[in-house]
N, C-alpha and C. Protein backbone atom coordinates (compact mmCIF):
# COMPACT_ATOMS: atom_id res chain seq x y z
N UNK A 1 125.72 237.02 154.76
CA UNK A 1 124.87 237.92 154.08
C UNK A 1 124.00 237.48 155.63
N UNK A 2 123.84 238.12 156.17
CA UNK A 2 123.27 238.02 157.40
C UNK A 2 122.01 237.70 157.19
N UNK A 3 120.80 236.94 158.32
CA UNK A 3 119.41 237.28 157.70
C UNK A 3 118.41 238.41 157.91
N UNK A 4 117.45 238.78 157.29
CA UNK A 4 116.59 239.95 157.88
C UNK A 4 115.96 239.43 158.89
N UNK A 5 115.23 240.37 159.48
CA UNK A 5 114.04 240.42 160.52
C UNK A 5 112.98 239.06 160.19
N UNK A 6 113.06 239.57 159.22
CA UNK A 6 111.39 238.97 158.46
C UNK A 6 111.95 237.41 158.36
N UNK A 7 112.44 237.30 157.43
CA UNK A 7 113.32 235.92 157.39
C UNK A 7 113.59 235.02 158.72
N UNK A 8 113.92 235.66 159.50
CA UNK A 8 114.57 235.35 160.85
C UNK A 8 112.93 234.80 161.47
N UNK A 9 112.18 235.71 161.34
CA UNK A 9 110.63 235.37 161.84
C UNK A 9 110.54 234.15 160.91
N UNK A 10 110.42 233.76 159.93
CA UNK A 10 109.59 232.47 158.77
C UNK A 10 110.80 231.36 158.80
N UNK A 11 111.69 231.70 159.48
CA UNK A 11 112.62 230.15 159.66
C UNK A 11 111.92 229.99 161.07
N UNK A 12 111.89 230.30 161.86
CA UNK A 12 111.26 230.43 163.18
C UNK A 12 110.13 229.46 163.22
N UNK A 13 108.78 230.41 162.45
CA UNK A 13 107.45 229.69 162.46
C UNK A 13 107.72 228.60 161.53
N UNK A 14 108.70 228.50 160.35
CA UNK A 14 108.71 227.13 159.96
C UNK A 14 108.97 225.88 160.87
N UNK A 15 110.02 226.20 161.62
CA UNK A 15 110.92 225.69 162.73
C UNK A 15 109.81 225.03 164.09
N UNK A 16 109.02 225.72 164.34
CA UNK A 16 108.09 225.66 165.23
C UNK A 16 106.58 225.15 165.30
N UNK A 17 106.74 224.79 164.01
CA UNK A 17 105.35 224.07 162.74
C UNK A 17 105.61 222.68 162.53
N UNK A 18 107.52 222.53 162.21
CA UNK A 18 107.59 221.12 161.73
C UNK A 18 108.75 220.52 162.41
N UNK A 19 109.06 221.01 163.72
CA UNK A 19 110.11 220.03 163.97
C UNK A 19 109.84 220.10 165.94
N UNK A 20 110.82 219.54 166.20
CA UNK A 20 110.97 219.42 168.22
C UNK A 20 111.84 219.09 168.34
N UNK A 21 112.23 219.10 169.37
CA UNK A 21 113.45 218.83 170.32
C UNK A 21 113.36 217.31 170.89
N UNK A 22 114.07 216.55 171.19
CA UNK A 22 114.33 215.29 171.71
C UNK A 22 115.56 215.63 172.39
N UNK A 23 115.12 215.47 174.12
CA UNK A 23 116.44 215.57 174.84
C UNK A 23 116.22 213.87 175.34
N UNK A 24 118.06 214.23 175.68
CA UNK A 24 118.78 212.37 176.52
C UNK A 24 119.67 213.70 176.88
N UNK A 25 119.44 212.50 178.90
CA UNK A 25 120.28 212.83 179.05
C UNK A 25 121.06 211.95 180.05
N UNK A 26 122.99 212.74 179.92
CA UNK A 26 123.62 211.86 180.01
C UNK A 26 124.64 212.26 180.85
N UNK A 27 125.77 211.55 181.63
CA UNK A 27 126.88 212.45 182.00
C UNK A 27 127.48 213.51 181.03
N UNK A 28 128.39 214.31 182.32
CA UNK A 28 129.31 214.70 181.78
C UNK A 28 130.03 214.73 180.51
N UNK A 29 131.09 214.10 181.39
CA UNK A 29 132.24 213.14 181.08
C UNK A 29 131.51 212.27 179.52
N UNK A 30 130.60 211.76 179.95
CA UNK A 30 129.83 210.73 178.35
C UNK A 30 129.87 211.60 176.84
N UNK A 31 129.05 212.85 177.49
CA UNK A 31 128.48 214.18 176.74
C UNK A 31 129.74 214.56 175.77
N UNK A 32 130.67 214.66 176.88
CA UNK A 32 132.29 215.08 176.26
C UNK A 32 132.63 214.13 175.49
N UNK A 33 132.77 212.81 175.42
CA UNK A 33 133.16 211.96 174.93
C UNK A 33 132.71 212.07 173.40
N UNK A 34 131.47 212.04 173.25
CA UNK A 34 130.67 212.12 172.49
C UNK A 34 130.82 212.87 171.73
N UNK A 35 131.07 214.99 171.96
CA UNK A 35 130.77 215.53 171.01
C UNK A 35 132.05 215.32 170.02
N UNK A 36 132.99 214.39 171.55
CA UNK A 36 135.30 215.13 170.61
C UNK A 36 135.88 213.79 169.52
N UNK A 37 134.12 212.70 169.97
CA UNK A 37 134.14 211.61 168.57
C UNK A 37 133.22 212.03 167.68
N UNK A 38 132.08 212.63 167.62
CA UNK A 38 132.03 213.48 166.09
C UNK A 38 132.42 214.27 164.99
N UNK A 39 133.04 215.49 166.61
CA UNK A 39 133.81 216.34 165.97
C UNK A 39 135.21 215.82 165.61
N UNK A 40 135.72 214.34 165.65
CA UNK A 40 137.06 213.76 165.37
C UNK A 40 136.28 213.17 164.15
N UNK A 41 135.33 213.06 163.78
CA UNK A 41 135.22 212.09 162.76
C UNK A 41 134.08 213.45 161.50
N UNK A 42 133.94 214.24 162.10
CA UNK A 42 133.29 215.81 161.25
C UNK A 42 132.25 215.40 161.06
N UNK A 43 131.33 215.12 162.22
CA UNK A 43 129.75 215.01 162.77
C UNK A 43 129.76 215.95 163.23
N UNK A 44 128.18 216.51 163.57
CA UNK A 44 127.19 217.21 164.58
C UNK A 44 127.20 215.72 165.70
N UNK A 45 126.92 216.12 167.00
CA UNK A 45 126.27 215.52 168.11
C UNK A 45 124.93 214.97 167.24
N UNK A 46 124.34 216.03 166.53
CA UNK A 46 122.91 215.87 166.31
C UNK A 46 122.49 215.21 164.65
N UNK A 47 124.25 214.96 164.27
CA UNK A 47 123.82 213.91 162.68
C UNK A 47 123.89 212.63 163.65
N UNK A 48 124.86 212.42 164.73
CA UNK A 48 125.05 211.09 164.95
C UNK A 48 124.01 210.58 165.99
N UNK A 49 122.98 211.61 166.44
CA UNK A 49 121.51 210.62 167.73
C UNK A 49 120.39 210.57 166.16
N UNK A 50 120.38 211.45 165.09
CA UNK A 50 120.03 211.11 163.82
C UNK A 50 119.84 209.83 163.57
N UNK A 51 120.97 209.88 163.04
CA UNK A 51 121.98 208.33 162.48
C UNK A 51 120.97 206.66 163.61
N UNK A 52 121.96 207.49 165.22
CA UNK A 52 120.88 206.39 166.19
C UNK A 52 119.48 206.10 165.69
N UNK A 53 118.69 206.73 165.94
CA UNK A 53 117.43 206.92 165.61
C UNK A 53 116.53 206.61 164.82
N UNK A 54 117.07 206.74 163.18
CA UNK A 54 116.92 206.13 162.03
C UNK A 54 117.34 204.46 162.22
N UNK A 55 117.59 204.41 162.83
CA UNK A 55 118.75 202.89 163.16
C UNK A 55 117.66 202.07 163.86
N UNK A 56 117.33 203.24 165.06
CA UNK A 56 116.03 201.86 165.79
C UNK A 56 114.99 201.82 165.23
N UNK A 57 114.57 202.72 164.47
CA UNK A 57 113.40 202.78 163.82
C UNK A 57 113.14 201.79 162.44
N UNK A 58 113.99 201.70 161.92
CA UNK A 58 114.52 200.52 160.90
C UNK A 58 114.96 199.45 161.80
N UNK A 59 115.59 199.12 162.62
CA UNK A 59 115.22 197.52 163.19
C UNK A 59 113.70 197.19 163.82
N UNK A 60 113.26 198.10 164.45
CA UNK A 60 112.07 198.02 164.77
C UNK A 60 110.79 198.28 164.23
N UNK A 61 111.31 198.40 163.21
CA UNK A 61 110.00 198.94 161.84
C UNK A 61 108.58 197.69 161.68
N UNK A 62 108.99 196.29 161.67
CA UNK A 62 107.28 195.87 161.67
C UNK A 62 107.69 195.13 162.69
N UNK A 63 107.74 195.41 163.90
CA UNK A 63 107.55 194.73 165.63
C UNK A 63 106.54 195.96 165.66
N UNK A 64 105.08 194.86 166.65
CA UNK A 64 104.33 195.58 167.40
C UNK A 64 105.29 196.60 168.68
N UNK A 65 104.37 197.42 169.01
CA UNK A 65 104.45 198.41 170.13
C UNK A 65 104.27 197.66 171.34
N UNK A 66 105.11 197.74 172.40
CA UNK A 66 104.42 197.26 173.61
C UNK A 66 103.26 197.34 173.97
N UNK A 67 102.60 196.75 174.48
CA UNK A 67 101.09 196.63 174.79
C UNK A 67 101.12 197.79 175.75
N UNK A 68 100.11 199.16 176.30
CA UNK A 68 100.22 199.66 177.54
C UNK A 68 99.12 198.39 178.67
N UNK A 69 100.19 198.86 180.65
CA UNK A 69 99.50 198.15 180.88
C UNK A 69 98.68 198.52 181.83
């Protein structure tokens, strides 16, 4: 069942208010390797990156952030 125009607008409004995009620049061959491995495992690239970010936050939860110079 396709989304109605009203539902699409509602979804877009919610996403704009509550989400952001984090980007990473990598070489094309590396990106393709990540996409291929994620697909083989039944994951999405977004899920792989989220897991890596969650792991990073967990590992650094109790550490002081570096001071600004």
